[in-house]
């Protein structure tokens, strides 16, 4: 199968679209495609930071550690961690689908 690009699809769908116009539209769509992936990857990074903070039980002195352990709410911690991991997995899936399904029009990232 010949390589399919967004620009070629534009030109094929409307013969009145000039090469220059197809190039501009294609570049704009490609930028949005890359921006979408970057945004999703940034969301994953933020979730990773939240998870790291939740796993950090360190404190500057033993009194703070005792307080953290004593005040630890296991139900909230487990539910929050499950939510974060689920969001992370959904983002991972979204990124994969975007790259595989939408990326074929732009040659990937």
PDB file of N, CA and C in Angstrom:
ATOM      1  N   UNK A   1       0.849  -1.186   0.000  1.00  0.00           N
ATOM      2  CA  UNK A   1       0.000   0.000   0.000  1.00  0.00           C
ATOM      3  C   UNK A   1       0.889   1.241   0.000  1.00  0.00           C
ATOM      4  N   UNK A   2       0.550   2.197  -0.826  1.00  0.00           N
ATOM      5  CA  UNK A   2       1.330   3.428  -0.897  1.00  0.00           C
ATOM      6  C   UNK A   2       1.192   4.202   0.403  1.00  0.00           C
ATOM      7  N   UNK A   3       2.213   4.969   0.723  1.00  0.00           N
ATOM      8  CA  UNK A   3       2.191   5.758   1.951  1.00  0.00           C
ATOM      9  C   UNK A   3       1.051   6.770   1.877  1.00  0.00           C
ATOM     10  N   UNK A   4       0.218   6.800   2.896  1.00  0.00           N
ATOM     11  CA  UNK A   4      -0.918   7.717   2.949  1.00  0.00           C
ATOM     12  C   UNK A   4      -0.567   8.862   3.879  1.00  0.00           C
ATOM     13  N   UNK A   5      -0.660  10.067   3.387  1.00  0.00           N
ATOM     14  CA  UNK A   5      -0.416  11.230   4.227  1.00  0.00           C
ATOM     15  C   UNK A   5      -1.665  12.087   4.261  1.00  0.00           C
ATOM     16  N   UNK A   6      -1.780  12.870   5.289  1.00  0.00           N
ATOM     17  CA  UNK A   6      -2.930  13.752   5.435  1.00  0.00           C
ATOM     18  C   UNK A   6      -3.000  14.720   4.254  1.00  0.00           C
ATOM     19  N   UNK A   7      -1.856  15.192   3.825  1.00  0.00           N
ATOM     20  CA  UNK A   7      -1.800  16.124   2.693  1.00  0.00           C
ATOM     21  C   UNK A   7      -2.344  15.458   1.430  1.00  0.00           C
ATOM     22  N   UNK A   8      -1.946  14.222   1.170  1.00  0.00           N
ATOM     23  CA  UNK A   8      -2.422  13.513  -0.021  1.00  0.00           C
ATOM     24  C   UNK A   8      -3.931  13.295   0.049  1.00  0.00           C
ATOM     25  N   UNK A   9      -4.434  13.000   1.248  1.00  0.00           N
ATOM     26  CA  UNK A   9      -5.878  12.802   1.416  1.00  0.00           C
ATOM     27  C   UNK A   9      -6.623  14.100   1.122  1.00  0.00           C
ATOM     28  N   UNK A  10      -6.094  15.220   1.600  1.00  0.00           N
ATOM     29  CA  UNK A  10      -6.728  16.517   1.340  1.00  0.00           C
ATOM     30  C   UNK A  10      -6.802  16.803  -0.150  1.00  0.00           C
ATOM     31  N   UNK A  11      -5.699  16.610  -0.828  1.00  0.00           N
ATOM     32  CA  UNK A  11      -5.647  16.902  -2.261  1.00  0.00           C
ATOM     33  C   UNK A  11      -6.549  15.962  -3.049  1.00  0.00           C
ATOM     34  N   UNK A  12      -6.616  14.715  -2.624  1.00  0.00           N
ATOM     35  CA  UNK A  12      -7.435  13.736  -3.320  1.00  0.00           C
ATOM     36  C   UNK A  12      -8.927  14.032  -3.116  1.00  0.00           C
ATOM     37  N   UNK A  13      -9.285  14.526  -1.924  1.00  0.00           N
ATOM     38  CA  UNK A  13     -10.690  14.763  -1.618  1.00  0.00           C
ATOM     39  C   UNK A  13     -11.240  16.018  -2.293  1.00  0.00           C
ATOM     40  N   UNK A  14     -10.389  16.963  -2.622  1.00  0.00           N
ATOM     41  CA  UNK A  14     -10.853  18.195  -3.274  1.00  0.00           C
ATOM     42  C   UNK A  14      -9.759  18.678  -4.214  1.00  0.00           C
ATOM     43  N   UNK A  15      -9.999  18.498  -5.502  1.00  0.00           N
ATOM     44  CA  UNK A  15      -8.989  18.858  -6.512  1.00  0.00           C
ATOM     45  C   UNK A  15      -8.697  20.357  -6.528  1.00  0.00           C
ATOM     46  N   UNK A  16      -9.597  21.176  -5.961  1.00  0.00           N
ATOM     47  CA  UNK A  16      -9.415  22.628  -5.957  1.00  0.00           C
ATOM     48  C   UNK A  16      -8.388  23.068  -4.917  1.00  0.00           C
ATOM     49  N   UNK A  17      -8.038  22.178  -3.967  1.00  0.00           N
ATOM     50  CA  UNK A  17      -7.062  22.542  -2.940  1.00  0.00           C
ATOM     51  C   UNK A  17      -5.677  22.574  -3.572  1.00  0.00           C
ATOM     52  N   UNK A  18      -5.021  23.694  -3.454  1.00  0.00           N
ATOM     53  CA  UNK A  18      -3.691  23.807  -4.031  1.00  0.00           C
ATOM     54  C   UNK A  18      -2.685  23.078  -3.167  1.00  0.00           C
ATOM     55  N   UNK A  19      -1.549  22.807  -3.736  1.00  0.00           N
ATOM     56  CA  UNK A  19      -0.482  22.128  -3.008  1.00  0.00           C
ATOM     57  C   UNK A  19      -0.063  22.942  -1.787  1.00  0.00           C
ATOM     58  N   UNK A  20       0.062  24.258  -1.939  1.00  0.00           N
ATOM     59  CA  UNK A  20       0.453  25.120  -0.821  1.00  0.00           C
ATOM     60  C   UNK A  20      -0.570  25.079   0.305  1.00  0.00           C
ATOM     61  N   UNK A  21      -1.846  25.138  -0.050  1.00  0.00           N
ATOM     62  CA  UNK A  21      -2.915  25.104   0.955  1.00  0.00           C
ATOM     63  C   UNK A  21      -2.936  23.750   1.662  1.00  0.00           C
ATOM     64  N   UNK A  22      -2.793  22.685   0.908  1.00  0.00           N
ATOM     65  CA  UNK A  22      -2.761  21.347   1.498  1.00  0.00           C
ATOM     66  C   UNK A  22      -1.571  21.218   2.446  1.00  0.00           C
ATOM     67  N   UNK A  23      -0.450  21.798   2.084  1.00  0.00           N
ATOM     68  CA  UNK A  23       0.747  21.760   2.929  1.00  0.00           C
ATOM     69  C   UNK A  23       0.502  22.499   4.244  1.00  0.00           C
ATOM     70  N   UNK A  24      -0.109  23.690   4.179  1.00  0.00           N
ATOM     71  CA  UNK A  24      -0.385  24.468   5.395  1.00  0.00           C
ATOM     72  C   UNK A  24      -1.366  23.746   6.310  1.00  0.00           C
ATOM     73  N   UNK A  25      -2.429  23.211   5.743  1.00  0.00           N
ATOM     74  CA  UNK A  25      -3.429  22.501   6.541  1.00  0.00           C
ATOM     75  C   UNK A  25      -2.801  21.256   7.165  1.00  0.00           C
ATOM     76  N   UNK A  26      -2.012  20.556   6.392  1.00  0.00           N
ATOM     77  CA  UNK A  26      -1.357  19.348   6.883  1.00  0.00           C
ATOM     78  C   UNK A  26      -0.389  19.661   8.023  1.00  0.00           C
ATOM     79  N   UNK A  27       0.386  20.723   7.882  1.00  0.00           N
ATOM     80  CA  UNK A  27       1.317  21.118   8.951  1.00  0.00           C
ATOM     81  C   UNK A  27       0.569  21.487  10.226  1.00  0.00           C
ATOM     82  N   UNK A  28      -0.539  22.216  10.074  1.00  0.00           N
ATOM     83  CA  UNK A  28      -1.336  22.597  11.246  1.00  0.00           C
ATOM     84  C   UNK A  28      -1.903  21.379  11.955  1.00  0.00           C
ATOM     85  N   UNK A  29      -2.427  20.442  11.183  1.00  0.00           N
ATOM     86  CA  UNK A  29      -2.974  19.221  11.774  1.00  0.00           C
ATOM     87  C   UNK A  29      -1.873  18.399  12.438  1.00  0.00           C
ATOM     88  N   UNK A  30      -0.710  18.352  11.810  1.00  0.00           N
ATOM     89  CA  UNK A  30       0.430  17.611  12.383  1.00  0.00           C
ATOM     90  C   UNK A  30       0.863  18.228  13.712  1.00  0.00           C
ATOM     91  N   UNK A  31       0.886  19.558  13.783  1.00  0.00           N
ATOM     92  CA  UNK A  31       1.230  20.236  15.042  1.00  0.00           C
ATOM     93  C   UNK A  31       0.229  19.878  16.135  1.00  0.00           C
ATOM     94  N   UNK A  32      -1.061  19.877  15.798  1.00  0.00           N
ATOM     95  CA  UNK A  32      -2.094  19.533  16.785  1.00  0.00           C
ATOM     96  C   UNK A  32      -1.956  18.091  17.240  1.00  0.00           C
ATOM     97  N   UNK A  33      -1.628  17.225  16.319  1.00  0.00           N
ATOM     98  CA  UNK A  33      -1.400  15.808  16.644  1.00  0.00           C
ATOM     99  C   UNK A  33      -0.265  15.677  17.654  1.00  0.00           C
ATOM    100  N   UNK A  34       0.856  16.332  17.389  1.00  0.00           N
ATOM    101  CA  UNK A  34       2.001  16.278  18.306  1.00  0.00           C
ATOM    102  C   UNK A  34       1.671  16.933  19.644  1.00  0.00           C
ATOM    103  N   UNK A  35       0.933  18.041  19.604  1.00  0.00           N
ATOM    104  CA  UNK A  35       0.538  18.742  20.829  1.00  0.00           C
ATOM    105  C   UNK A  35      -0.346  17.843  21.697  1.00  0.00           C
ATOM    106  N   UNK A  36      -1.242  17.112  21.077  1.00  0.00           N
ATOM    107  CA  UNK A  36      -2.127  16.209  21.811  1.00  0.00           C
ATOM    108  C   UNK A  36      -1.323  15.124  22.519  1.00  0.00           C
ATOM    109  N   UNK A  37      -0.367  14.541  21.818  1.00  0.00           N
ATOM    110  CA  UNK A  37       0.476  13.513  22.430  1.00  0.00           C
ATOM    111  C   UNK A  37       1.296  14.108  23.572  1.00  0.00           C
ATOM    112  N   UNK A  38       1.884  15.278  23.347  1.00  0.00           N
ATOM    113  CA  UNK A  38       2.661  15.932  24.406  1.00  0.00           C
ATOM    114  C   UNK A  38       1.804  16.195  25.642  1.00  0.00           C
ATOM    115  N   UNK A  39       0.573  16.639  25.435  1.00  0.00           N
ATOM    116  CA  UNK A  39      -0.339  16.929  26.545  1.00  0.00           C
ATOM    117  C   UNK A  39      -0.638  15.663  27.336  1.00  0.00           C
ATOM    118  N   UNK A  40      -0.916  14.571  26.641  1.00  0.00           N
ATOM    119  CA  UNK A  40      -1.207  13.302  27.314  1.00  0.00           C
ATOM    120  C   UNK A  40       0.017  12.797  28.075  1.00  0.00           C
ATOM    121  N   UNK A  41       1.204  12.944  27.480  1.00  0.00           N
ATOM    122  CA  UNK A  41       2.431  12.513  28.156  1.00  0.00           C
ATOM    123  C   UNK A  41       2.728  13.373  29.380  1.00  0.00           C
ATOM    124  N   UNK A  42       2.415  14.661  29.294  1.00  0.00           N
ATOM    125  CA  UNK A  42       2.590  15.549  30.441  1.00  0.00           C
ATOM    126  C   UNK A  42       1.636  15.152  31.570  1.00  0.00           C
ATOM    127  N   UNK A  43       0.403  14.794  31.226  1.00  0.00           N
ATOM    128  CA  UNK A  43      -0.548  14.314  32.233  1.00  0.00           C
ATOM    129  C   UNK A  43      -0.004  13.079  32.939  1.00  0.00           C
ATOM    130  N   UNK A  44       0.615  12.171  32.165  1.00  0.00           N
ATOM    131  CA  UNK A  44       1.200  10.970  32.771  1.00  0.00           C
ATOM    132  C   UNK A  44       2.330  11.335  33.726  1.00  0.00           C
ATOM    133  N   UNK A  45       3.150  12.296  33.343  1.00  0.00           N
ATOM    134  CA  UNK A  45       4.240  12.740  34.220  1.00  0.00           C
ATOM    135  C   UNK A  45       3.697  13.294  35.531  1.00  0.00           C
ATOM    136  N   UNK A  46       2.619  14.071  35.452  1.00  0.00           N
ATOM    137  CA  UNK A  46       2.020  14.632  36.665  1.00  0.00           C
ATOM    138  C   UNK A  46       1.467  13.534  37.569  1.00  0.00           C
ATOM    139  N   UNK A  47       0.880  12.525  36.972  1.00  0.00           N
ATOM    140  CA  UNK A  47       0.376  11.391  37.763  1.00  0.00           C
ATOM    141  C   UNK A  47       1.542  10.665  38.422  1.00  0.00           C
ATOM    142  N   UNK A  48       2.632  10.468  37.683  1.00  0.00           N
ATOM    143  CA  UNK A  48       3.820   9.830  38.268  1.00  0.00           C
ATOM    144  C   UNK A  48       4.341  10.616  39.472  1.00  0.00           C
ATOM    145  N   UNK A  49       4.316  11.947  39.376  1.00  0.00           N
ATOM    146  CA  UNK A  49       4.749  12.781  40.501  1.00  0.00           C
ATOM    147  C   UNK A  49       3.813  12.605  41.698  1.00  0.00           C
ATOM    148  N   UNK A  50       2.517  12.532  41.439  1.00  0.00           N
ATOM    149  CA  UNK A  50       1.557  12.315  42.533  1.00  0.00           C
ATOM    150  C   UNK A  50       1.804  10.967  43.204  1.00  0.00           C
ATOM    151  N   UNK A  51       2.040   9.949  42.395  1.00  0.00           N
ATOM    152  CA  UNK A  51       2.304   8.613  42.942  1.00  0.00           C
ATOM    153  C   UNK A  51       3.576   8.633  43.775  1.00  0.00           C
ATOM    154  N   UNK A  52       4.621   9.276  43.271  1.00  0.00           N
ATOM    155  CA  UNK A  52       5.879   9.376  44.032  1.00  0.00           C
ATOM    156  C   UNK A  52       5.657  10.048  45.375  1.00  0.00           C
ATOM    157  N   UNK A  53       4.857  11.125  45.376  1.00  0.00           N
ATOM    158  CA  UNK A  53       4.574  11.823  46.644  1.00  0.00           C
ATOM    159  C   UNK A  53       3.803  10.928  47.609  1.00  0.00           C
ATOM    160  N   UNK A  54       2.894  10.141  47.074  1.00  0.00           N
ATOM    161  CA  UNK A  54       2.112   9.249  47.936  1.00  0.00           C
ATOM    162  C   UNK A  54       2.976   8.136  48.522  1.00  0.00           C
ATOM    163  N   UNK A  55       4.006   7.750  47.808  1.00  0.00           N
ATOM    164  CA  UNK A  55       4.882   6.679  48.277  1.00  0.00           C
ATOM    165  C   UNK A  55       5.979   7.182  49.209  1.00  0.00           C
ATOM    166  N   UNK A  56       6.137   8.490  49.286  1.00  0.00           N
ATOM    167  CA  UNK A  56       7.186   9.075  50.126  1.00  0.00           C
ATOM    168  C   UNK A  56       6.658   9.262  51.547  1.00  0.00           C
ATOM    169  N   UNK A  57       7.092   8.406  52.425  1.00  0.00           N
ATOM    170  CA  UNK A  57       6.689   8.501  53.832  1.00  0.00           C
ATOM    171  C   UNK A  57       7.821   9.081  54.682  1.00  0.00           C
ATOM    172  N   UNK A  58       8.828   9.579  54.022  1.00  0.00           N
ATOM    173  CA  UNK A  58       9.960  10.117  54.773  1.00  0.00           C
ATOM    174  C   UNK A  58       9.571  11.424  55.458  1.00  0.00           C
ATOM    175  N   UNK A  59      10.300  11.751  56.489  1.00  0.00           N
ATOM    176  CA  UNK A  59      10.082  13.000  57.219  1.00  0.00           C
ATOM    177  C   UNK A  59      11.422  13.463  57.764  1.00  0.00           C
ATOM    178  N   UNK A  60      11.457  14.699  58.170  1.00  0.00           N
ATOM    179  CA  UNK A  60      12.726  15.248  58.643  1.00  0.00           C
ATOM    180  C   UNK A  60      13.071  14.812  60.059  1.00  0.00           C
ATOM    181  N   UNK A  61      12.096  14.342  60.803  1.00  0.00           N
ATOM    182  CA  UNK A  61      12.405  13.841  62.144  1.00  0.00           C
ATOM    183  C   UNK A  61      11.451  12.708  62.520  1.00  0.00           C
ATOM    184  N   UNK A  62      11.757  11.997  63.568  1.00  0.00           N
ATOM    185  CA  UNK A  62      10.967  10.814  63.941  1.00  0.00           C
ATOM    186  C   UNK A  62       9.555  11.160  64.387  1.00  0.00           C
ATOM    187  N   UNK A  63       9.339  12.348  64.953  1.00  0.00           N
ATOM    188  CA  UNK A  63       7.993  12.741  65.381  1.00  0.00           C
ATOM    189  C   UNK A  63       7.068  12.849  64.179  1.00  0.00           C
ATOM    190  N   UNK A  64       7.568  13.439  63.087  1.00  0.00           N
ATOM    191  CA  UNK A  64       6.747  13.562  61.878  1.00  0.00           C
ATOM    192  C   UNK A  64       6.425  12.187  61.294  1.00  0.00           C
ATOM    193  N   UNK A  65       7.394  11.281  61.333  1.00  0.00           N
ATOM    194  CA  UNK A  65       7.158   9.928  60.828  1.00  0.00           C
ATOM    195  C   UNK A  65       6.075   9.258  61.664  1.00  0.00           C
ATOM    196  N   UNK A  66       6.168   9.370  62.998  1.00  0.00           N
ATOM    197  CA  UNK A  66       5.154   8.788  63.874  1.00  0.00           C
ATOM    198  C   UNK A  66       3.770   9.353  63.561  1.00  0.00           C
ATOM    199  N   UNK A  67       3.702  10.668  63.344  1.00  0.00           N
ATOM    200  CA  UNK A  67       2.424  11.303  63.025  1.00  0.00           C
ATOM    201  C   UNK A  67       1.867  10.810  61.695  1.00  0.00           C
ATOM    202  N   UNK A  68       2.734  10.663  60.701  1.00  0.00           N
ATOM    203  CA  UNK A  68       2.284  10.181  59.402  1.00  0.00           C
ATOM    204  C   UNK A  68       1.724   8.773  59.513  1.00  0.00           C
ATOM    205  N   UNK A  69       2.415   7.924  60.251  1.00  0.00           N
ATOM    206  CA  UNK A  69       1.966   6.540  60.403  1.00  0.00           C
ATOM    207  C   UNK A  69       0.667   6.491  61.199  1.00  0.00           C
ATOM    208  N   UNK A  70       0.597   7.257  62.249  1.00  0.00           N
ATOM    209  CA  UNK A  70      -0.594   7.266  63.102  1.00  0.00           C
ATOM    210  C   UNK A  70      -1.802   7.811  62.340  1.00  0.00           C
ATOM    211  N   UNK A  71      -1.601   8.830  61.524  1.00  0.00           N
ATOM    212  CA  UNK A  71      -2.705   9.478  60.805  1.00  0.00           C
ATOM    213  C   UNK A  71      -2.976   8.857  59.435  1.00  0.00           C
ATOM    214  N   UNK A  72      -2.275   7.803  59.106  1.00  0.00           N
ATOM    215  CA  UNK A  72      -2.404   7.195  57.790  1.00  0.00           C
ATOM    216  C   UNK A  72      -3.814   6.622  57.596  1.00  0.00           C
ATOM    217  N   UNK A  73      -4.455   7.019  56.502  1.00  0.00           N
ATOM    218  CA  UNK A  73      -5.798   6.545  56.161  1.00  0.00           C
ATOM    219  C   UNK A  73      -5.656   5.563  54.997  1.00  0.00           C
ATOM    220  N   UNK A  74      -5.643   4.284  55.317  1.00  0.00           N
ATOM    221  CA  UNK A  74      -5.375   3.265  54.302  1.00  0.00           C
ATOM    222  C   UNK A  74      -6.454   3.203  53.229  1.00  0.00           C
ATOM    223  N   UNK A  75      -7.707   3.437  53.591  1.00  0.00           N
ATOM    224  CA  UNK A  75      -8.795   3.379  52.611  1.00  0.00           C
ATOM    225  C   UNK A  75      -8.617   4.483  51.562  1.00  0.00           C
ATOM    226  N   UNK A  76      -8.382   5.689  52.037  1.00  0.00           N
ATOM    227  CA  UNK A  76      -8.180   6.809  51.116  1.00  0.00           C
ATOM    228  C   UNK A  76      -6.940   6.599  50.262  1.00  0.00           C
ATOM    229  N   UNK A  77      -5.861   6.126  50.894  1.00  0.00           N
ATOM    230  CA  UNK A  77      -4.611   5.903  50.169  1.00  0.00           C
ATOM    231  C   UNK A  77      -4.813   4.881  49.052  1.00  0.00           C
ATOM    232  N   UNK A  78      -5.434   3.752  49.366  1.00  0.00           N
ATOM    233  CA  UNK A  78      -5.645   2.693  48.370  1.00  0.00           C
ATOM    234  C   UNK A  78      -6.549   3.186  47.244  1.00  0.00           C
ATOM    235  N   UNK A  79      -7.630   3.857  47.591  1.00  0.00           N
ATOM    236  CA  UNK A  79      -8.544   4.364  46.555  1.00  0.00           C
ATOM    237  C   UNK A  79      -7.880   5.404  45.664  1.00  0.00           C
ATOM    238  N   UNK A  80      -7.112   6.300  46.272  1.00  0.00           N
ATOM    239  CA  UNK A  80      -6.413   7.317  45.498  1.00  0.00           C
ATOM    240  C   UNK A  80      -5.367   6.682  44.594  1.00  0.00           C
ATOM    241  N   UNK A  81      -4.612   5.733  45.129  1.00  0.00           N
ATOM    242  CA  UNK A  81      -3.586   5.066  44.329  1.00  0.00           C
ATOM    243  C   UNK A  81      -4.236   4.296  43.168  1.00  0.00           C
ATOM    244  N   UNK A  82      -5.341   3.625  43.427  1.00  0.00           N
ATOM    245  CA  UNK A  82      -6.046   2.897  42.364  1.00  0.00           C
ATOM    246  C   UNK A  82      -6.533   3.861  41.281  1.00  0.00           C
ATOM    247  N   UNK A  83      -7.087   5.005  41.693  1.00  0.00           N
ATOM    248  CA  UNK A  83      -7.544   6.005  40.726  1.00  0.00           C
ATOM    249  C   UNK A  83      -6.393   6.525  39.870  1.00  0.00           C
ATOM    250  N   UNK A  84      -5.274   6.827  40.506  1.00  0.00           N
ATOM    251  CA  UNK A  84      -4.121   7.340  39.772  1.00  0.00           C
ATOM    252  C   UNK A  84      -3.578   6.308  38.786  1.00  0.00           C
ATOM    253  N   UNK A  85      -3.479   5.062  39.233  1.00  0.00           N
ATOM    254  CA  UNK A  85      -2.970   4.009  38.346  1.00  0.00           C
ATOM    255  C   UNK A  85      -3.930   3.767  37.175  1.00  0.00           C
ATOM    256  N   UNK A  86      -5.236   3.850  37.437  1.00  0.00           N
ATOM    257  CA  UNK A  86      -6.214   3.691  36.367  1.00  0.00           C
ATOM    258  C   UNK A  86      -6.113   4.838  35.360  1.00  0.00           C
ATOM    259  N   UNK A  87      -5.998   6.062  35.861  1.00  0.00           N
ATOM    260  CA  UNK A  87      -5.839   7.217  34.971  1.00  0.00           C
ATOM    261  C   UNK A  87      -4.578   7.071  34.125  1.00  0.00           C
ATOM    262  N   UNK A  88      -3.507   6.622  34.755  1.00  0.00           N
ATOM    263  CA  UNK A  88      -2.239   6.440  34.048  1.00  0.00           C
ATOM    264  C   UNK A  88      -2.383   5.384  32.945  1.00  0.00           C
ATOM    265  N   UNK A  89      -3.051   4.292  33.257  1.00  0.00           N
ATOM    266  CA  UNK A  89      -3.252   3.231  32.263  1.00  0.00           C
ATOM    267  C   UNK A  89      -4.129   3.718  31.116  1.00  0.00           C
ATOM    268  N   UNK A  90      -5.161   4.495  31.427  1.00  0.00           N
ATOM    269  CA  UNK A  90      -6.026   5.045  30.383  1.00  0.00           C
ATOM    270  C   UNK A  90      -5.251   6.011  29.481  1.00  0.00           C
ATOM    271  N   UNK A  91      -4.400   6.827  30.080  1.00  0.00           N
ATOM    272  CA  UNK A  91      -3.578   7.736  29.283  1.00  0.00           C
ATOM    273  C   UNK A  91      -2.617   6.964  28.389  1.00  0.00           C
ATOM    274  N   UNK A  92      -2.032   5.904  28.926  1.00  0.00           N
ATOM    275  CA  UNK A  92      -1.126   5.067  28.142  1.00  0.00           C
ATOM    276  C   UNK A  92      -1.864   4.492  26.930  1.00  0.00           C
ATOM    277  N   UNK A  93      -3.091   4.043  27.147  1.00  0.00           N
ATOM    278  CA  UNK A  93      -3.909   3.503  26.060  1.00  0.00           C
ATOM    279  C   UNK A  93      -4.264   4.599  25.052  1.00  0.00           C
ATOM    280  N   UNK A  94      -4.651   5.763  25.540  1.00  0.00           N
ATOM    281  CA  UNK A  94      -4.978   6.878  24.652  1.00  0.00           C
ATOM    282  C   UNK A  94      -3.788   7.233  23.769  1.00  0.00           C
ATOM    283  N   UNK A  95      -2.615   7.322  24.357  1.00  0.00           N
ATOM    284  CA  UNK A  95      -1.415   7.665  23.594  1.00  0.00           C
ATOM    285  C   UNK A  95      -1.143   6.618  22.521  1.00  0.00           C
ATOM    286  N   UNK A  96      -1.281   5.357  22.883  1.00  0.00           N
ATOM    287  CA  UNK A  96      -1.061   4.276  21.918  1.00  0.00           C
ATOM    288  C   UNK A  96      -2.037   4.371  20.759  1.00  0.00           C
ATOM    289  N   UNK A  97      -3.313   4.563  21.067  1.00  0.00           N
ATOM    290  CA  UNK A  97      -4.333   4.659  20.020  1.00  0.00           C
ATOM    291  C   UNK A  97      -4.081   5.877  19.141  1.00  0.00           C
ATOM    292  N   UNK A  98      -3.780   7.007  19.753  1.00  0.00           N
ATOM    293  CA  UNK A  98      -3.517   8.227  18.980  1.00  0.00           C
ATOM    294  C   UNK A  98      -2.334   8.008  18.039  1.00  0.00           C
ATOM    295  N   UNK A  99      -1.259   7.438  18.552  1.00  0.00           N
ATOM    296  CA  UNK A  99      -0.075   7.222  17.712  1.00  0.00           C
ATOM    297  C   UNK A  99      -0.352   6.230  16.589  1.00  0.00           C
ATOM    298  N   UNK A 100      -1.079   5.150  16.893  1.00  0.00           N
ATOM    299  CA  UNK A 100      -1.329   4.122  15.881  1.00  0.00           C
ATOM    300  C   UNK A 100      -2.399   4.524  14.877  1.00  0.00           C
ATOM    301  N   UNK A 101      -3.477   5.115  15.353  1.00  0.00           N
ATOM    302  CA  UNK A 101      -4.611   5.404  14.465  1.00  0.00           C
ATOM    303  C   UNK A 101      -4.518   6.760  13.789  1.00  0.00           C
ATOM    304  N   UNK A 102      -4.119   7.773  14.524  1.00  0.00           N
ATOM    305  CA  UNK A 102      -4.023   9.112  13.949  1.00  0.00           C
ATOM    306  C   UNK A 102      -2.627   9.327  13.340  1.00  0.00           C
ATOM    307  N   UNK A 103      -1.618   8.760  13.966  1.00  0.00           N
ATOM    308  CA  UNK A 103      -0.244   8.943  13.505  1.00  0.00           C
ATOM    309  C   UNK A 103       0.018   8.429  12.118  1.00  0.00           C
ATOM    310  N   UNK A 104      -0.770   7.466  11.653  1.00  0.00           N
ATOM    311  CA  UNK A 104      -0.544   6.925  10.306  1.00  0.00           C
ATOM    312  C   UNK A 104      -0.730   7.989   9.230  1.00  0.00           C
ATOM    313  N   UNK A 105      -1.482   9.033   9.534  1.00  0.00           N
ATOM    314  CA  UNK A 105      -1.684  10.109   8.574  1.00  0.00           C
ATOM    315  C   UNK A 105      -0.528  11.101   8.534  1.00  0.00           C
ATOM    316  N   UNK A 106       0.298  11.052   9.559  1.00  0.00           N
ATOM    317  CA  UNK A 106       1.404  12.001   9.650  1.00  0.00           C
ATOM    318  C   UNK A 106       2.762  11.316   9.695  1.00  0.00           C
ATOM    319  N   UNK A 107       2.795  10.024   9.573  1.00  0.00           N
ATOM    320  CA  UNK A 107       4.052   9.290   9.616  1.00  0.00           C
ATOM    321  C   UNK A 107       4.579   9.110  11.019  1.00  0.00           C
ATOM    322  N   UNK A 108       3.696   9.150  12.034  1.00  0.00           N
ATOM    323  CA  UNK A 108       4.124   8.985  13.424  1.00  0.00           C
ATOM    324  C   UNK A 108       4.752  10.252  13.958  1.00  0.00           C
ATOM    325  N   UNK A 109       5.226  10.149  15.202  1.00  0.00           N
ATOM    326  CA  UNK A 109       5.866  11.316  15.835  1.00  0.00           C
ATOM    327  C   UNK A 109       7.348  11.113  15.807  1.00  0.00           C
TER     328      UNK A 109
END
